[in-house]
Amino acid sequence: MVSSNDLKNGIVIEMDGNLWQILDFQHVLQNKVAYVRVKMKNLRTGAVTQTALNAGVKLKKAFLDKKEMQYLYNGGESYCFMDTETYEQVEVPANHLEYEKQFLVEGMNVEIVYYGTEILGINLPDKVTLKVTKCDPAVRGDTKTNALKDAIVETGLLVKVPMFIEEGESIIVSTATGEYTSRA
């Protein structure tokens, strides 16, 4: 159990039969009444909500398991991952990976997040290396400012890149923001 006064970003709690990850919290004292304003994400549906919890309320802390696995292939309605130690394969429903699928490349290692036997999703590395498959050529004279152009990478993600990046090059993209970081 964890008190609402001891909440931290990233903690997962079980409330009303759902798993909630704390995204942001703020202790508030208003008219001599203390409470905690909490922004949290439902790990099963992805919905984000805000609520107020009375100060000192006990909440059940949920413990998640993480296991490193290798991404194998996209099976249409699910994505297949393999445990590199036991060679056991698991399938994660595509609707659990709406954002993450933009960064998945076959052979990539990711963390699968479990609650008991239920698969909640995956944790991507901070940065991934992706190959540029389509990119407009640089326009001469546009190099005076930090001009950017559109590039499509192997996963279909559209990334704004500097003018010197060309088709066929590999770039490093941040998985948190989806933005270009550097050349690979």
Protein backbone atom coordinates (compact mmCIF):
# COMPACT_ATOMS: atom_id res chain seq x y z
CA MET A 1 0.00 0.00 0.00
CA VAL A 2 1.09 3.54 -0.70
CA SER A 3 -0.32 6.77 0.71
CA SER A 4 -1.63 9.44 -1.64
CA ASN A 5 0.88 11.77 0.06
CA ASP A 6 3.78 9.55 -1.11
CA LEU A 7 2.88 9.36 -4.82
CA LYS A 8 5.65 9.80 -7.36
CA ASN A 9 5.67 10.02 -11.15
CA GLY A 10 5.80 6.57 -12.74
CA ILE A 11 4.26 4.65 -9.81
CA VAL A 12 1.51 2.23 -10.86
CA ILE A 13 -1.53 1.90 -8.60
CA GLU A 14 -4.57 -0.35 -8.71
CA MET A 15 -7.81 1.58 -8.33
CA ASP A 16 -11.40 0.66 -9.28
CA GLY A 17 -10.15 -2.57 -10.91
CA ASN A 18 -7.83 -0.71 -13.29
CA LEU A 19 -4.09 -0.12 -13.41
CA TRP A 20 -3.13 3.56 -13.36
CA GLN A 21 0.34 5.02 -13.92
CA ILE A 22 0.92 8.37 -12.21
CA LEU A 23 1.99 10.94 -14.82
CA ASP A 24 1.86 14.05 -12.65
CA PHE A 25 0.72 15.00 -9.16
CA GLN A 26 0.37 18.15 -7.12
CA HIS A 27 -0.27 18.59 -3.40
CA VAL A 28 -2.97 21.23 -2.84
CA LEU A 29 -4.13 22.98 0.33
CA GLN A 30 -7.32 24.89 -0.30
CA ASN A 31 -9.55 26.32 2.43
CA LYS A 32 -7.65 24.25 5.02
CA VAL A 33 -8.48 21.05 3.13
CA ALA A 34 -5.53 19.06 1.80
CA TYR A 35 -5.78 16.85 -1.28
CA VAL A 36 -3.62 15.57 -4.12
CA ARG A 37 -4.46 16.46 -7.73
CA VAL A 38 -3.34 13.52 -9.89
CA LYS A 39 -2.97 13.07 -13.65
CA MET A 40 -2.83 9.36 -14.48
CA LYS A 41 -2.91 6.97 -17.43
CA ASN A 42 -4.94 3.76 -17.62
CA LEU A 43 -2.40 1.10 -18.66
CA ARG A 44 -5.08 -1.13 -20.20
CA THR A 45 -6.89 1.45 -22.35
CA GLY A 46 -4.33 4.26 -22.64
CA ALA A 47 -6.88 6.85 -21.45
CA VAL A 48 -5.48 9.77 -19.46
CA THR A 49 -7.57 11.30 -16.69
CA GLN A 50 -7.25 13.78 -13.85
CA THR A 51 -8.70 13.27 -10.39
CA ALA A 52 -8.37 14.53 -6.84
CA LEU A 53 -7.48 12.18 -3.98
CA ASN A 54 -7.91 13.02 -0.30
CA ALA A 55 -4.62 13.43 1.54
CA GLY A 56 -3.48 10.28 3.31
CA VAL A 57 -5.70 7.85 1.39
CA LYS A 58 -4.12 4.39 1.09
CA LEU A 59 -3.83 3.03 -2.48
CA LYS A 60 -2.83 -0.43 -3.62
CA LYS A 61 0.52 -0.35 -5.41
CA ALA A 62 0.71 -2.58 -8.48
CA PHE A 63 3.96 -4.35 -9.27
CA LEU A 64 4.75 -4.78 -12.96
CA ASP A 65 7.17 -7.32 -14.39
CA LYS A 66 9.42 -6.46 -17.32
CA LYS A 67 11.17 -8.91 -19.59
CA GLU A 68 13.53 -8.15 -22.45
CA MET A 69 12.43 -9.67 -25.74
CA GLN A 70 13.26 -9.38 -29.42
CA TYR A 71 10.73 -8.07 -31.95
CA LEU A 72 10.19 -10.64 -34.72
CA TYR A 73 7.38 -9.55 -37.03
CA ASN A 74 4.04 -7.82 -37.47
CA GLY A 75 1.25 -10.41 -37.75
CA GLY A 76 -1.45 -7.90 -38.69
CA GLU A 77 -3.61 -7.81 -35.57
CA SER A 78 -0.67 -8.54 -33.26
CA TYR A 79 3.08 -8.13 -33.01
CA CYS A 80 5.25 -11.15 -32.26
CA PHE A 81 8.14 -11.01 -29.77
CA MET A 82 10.59 -13.72 -28.69
CA ASP A 83 12.32 -14.31 -25.36
CA THR A 84 16.02 -14.50 -26.28
CA GLU A 85 16.76 -16.95 -23.45
CA THR A 86 13.91 -19.49 -23.72
CA TYR A 87 12.88 -18.78 -27.35
CA GLU A 88 9.27 -18.56 -26.15
CA GLN A 89 7.15 -16.31 -28.37
CA VAL A 90 4.41 -13.94 -27.24
CA GLU A 91 1.99 -11.85 -29.24
CA VAL A 92 1.05 -8.32 -28.21
CA PRO A 93 -2.22 -6.96 -29.67
CA ALA A 94 -1.67 -4.14 -32.18
CA ASN A 95 -4.03 -1.83 -30.29
CA HIS A 96 -1.60 -1.90 -27.31
CA LEU A 97 1.17 -0.53 -29.56
CA GLU A 98 -0.44 2.39 -31.42
CA TYR A 99 2.48 4.78 -30.74
CA GLU A 100 5.30 2.25 -30.30
CA LYS A 101 4.82 0.55 -33.69
CA GLN A 102 6.28 3.62 -35.42
CA PHE A 103 9.69 2.69 -34.02
CA LEU A 104 9.70 -1.13 -34.22
CA VAL A 105 12.29 -2.70 -36.52
CA GLU A 106 12.70 -6.47 -36.84
CA GLY A 107 15.42 -7.78 -34.53
CA MET A 108 15.11 -4.87 -32.07
CA ASN A 109 15.21 -5.65 -28.33
CA VAL A 110 12.42 -4.13 -26.19
CA GLU A 111 10.98 -4.66 -22.72
CA ILE A 112 7.58 -6.37 -22.52
CA VAL A 113 5.55 -5.11 -19.55
CA TYR A 114 3.43 -7.68 -17.65
CA TYR A 115 0.96 -7.50 -14.80
CA GLY A 116 0.74 -11.09 -13.64
CA THR A 117 0.20 -12.92 -16.95
CA GLU A 118 -1.46 -9.95 -18.69
CA ILE A 119 0.68 -8.12 -21.27
CA LEU A 120 0.18 -4.37 -20.94
CA GLY A 121 2.58 -3.14 -23.61
CA ILE A 122 6.25 -2.51 -24.34
CA ASN A 123 8.99 -0.11 -23.30
CA LEU A 124 11.13 1.13 -26.18
CA PRO A 125 14.78 2.16 -25.91
CA ASP A 126 15.28 5.95 -25.58
CA LYS A 127 16.62 6.22 -29.14
CA VAL A 128 16.39 3.97 -32.20
CA THR A 129 18.31 3.84 -35.46
CA LEU A 130 16.08 3.96 -38.53
CA LYS A 131 16.87 4.03 -42.24
CA VAL A 132 15.53 6.89 -44.39
CA THR A 133 13.49 5.38 -47.25
CA LYS A 134 12.12 8.56 -48.84
CA CYS A 135 13.49 12.07 -48.66
CA ASP A 136 13.34 15.14 -50.87
CA PRO A 137 16.70 16.40 -52.14
CA ALA A 138 18.15 19.49 -50.43
CA VAL A 139 17.35 22.83 -52.07
CA ARG A 140 20.43 24.91 -52.71
CA GLY A 141 20.53 28.08 -50.61
CA ASP A 142 18.40 26.74 -47.76
CA THR A 143 21.41 26.03 -45.55
CA LYS A 144 21.77 29.50 -44.01
CA THR A 145 19.15 28.79 -41.33
CA ASN A 146 18.39 25.52 -39.58
CA ALA A 147 16.04 24.46 -42.35
CA LEU A 148 14.39 21.05 -42.04
CA LYS A 149 12.78 18.77 -44.59
CA ASP A 150 10.47 15.77 -44.37
CA ALA A 151 11.87 12.25 -44.43
CA ILE A 152 10.04 8.95 -44.21
CA VAL A 153 11.85 6.15 -42.39
CA GLU A 154 11.54 2.38 -42.84
CA THR A 155 8.67 2.09 -40.34
CA GLY A 156 6.59 4.74 -42.13
CA LEU A 157 7.23 7.46 -39.54
CA LEU A 158 7.54 11.02 -40.88
CA VAL A 159 10.55 12.80 -39.33
CA LYS A 160 11.81 16.36 -39.83
CA VAL A 161 15.52 16.12 -40.67
CA PRO A 162 18.30 18.61 -41.58
CA MET A 163 18.87 19.34 -45.26
CA PHE A 164 22.08 17.25 -45.47
CA ILE A 165 20.28 13.95 -44.74
CA GLU A 166 19.76 11.89 -47.89
CA GLU A 167 17.73 8.84 -48.83
CA GLY A 168 19.36 5.58 -47.71
CA GLU A 169 21.11 7.09 -44.68
CA SER A 170 20.47 5.86 -41.14
CA ILE A 171 19.38 8.37 -38.52
CA ILE A 172 18.84 8.23 -34.77
CA VAL A 173 15.31 9.14 -33.64
CA SER A 174 14.09 9.81 -30.09
CA THR A 175 11.25 7.44 -29.17
CA ALA A 176 9.88 9.93 -26.61
CA THR A 177 9.30 12.72 -29.12
CA GLY A 178 9.66 11.10 -32.56
CA GLU A 179 12.22 13.74 -33.51
CA TYR A 180 15.56 13.48 -35.32
CA THR A 181 18.53 13.35 -32.95
CA SER A 182 21.59 12.72 -35.15
CA ARG A 183 23.11 10.64 -37.92
CA ALA A 184 23.76 7.00 -37.09
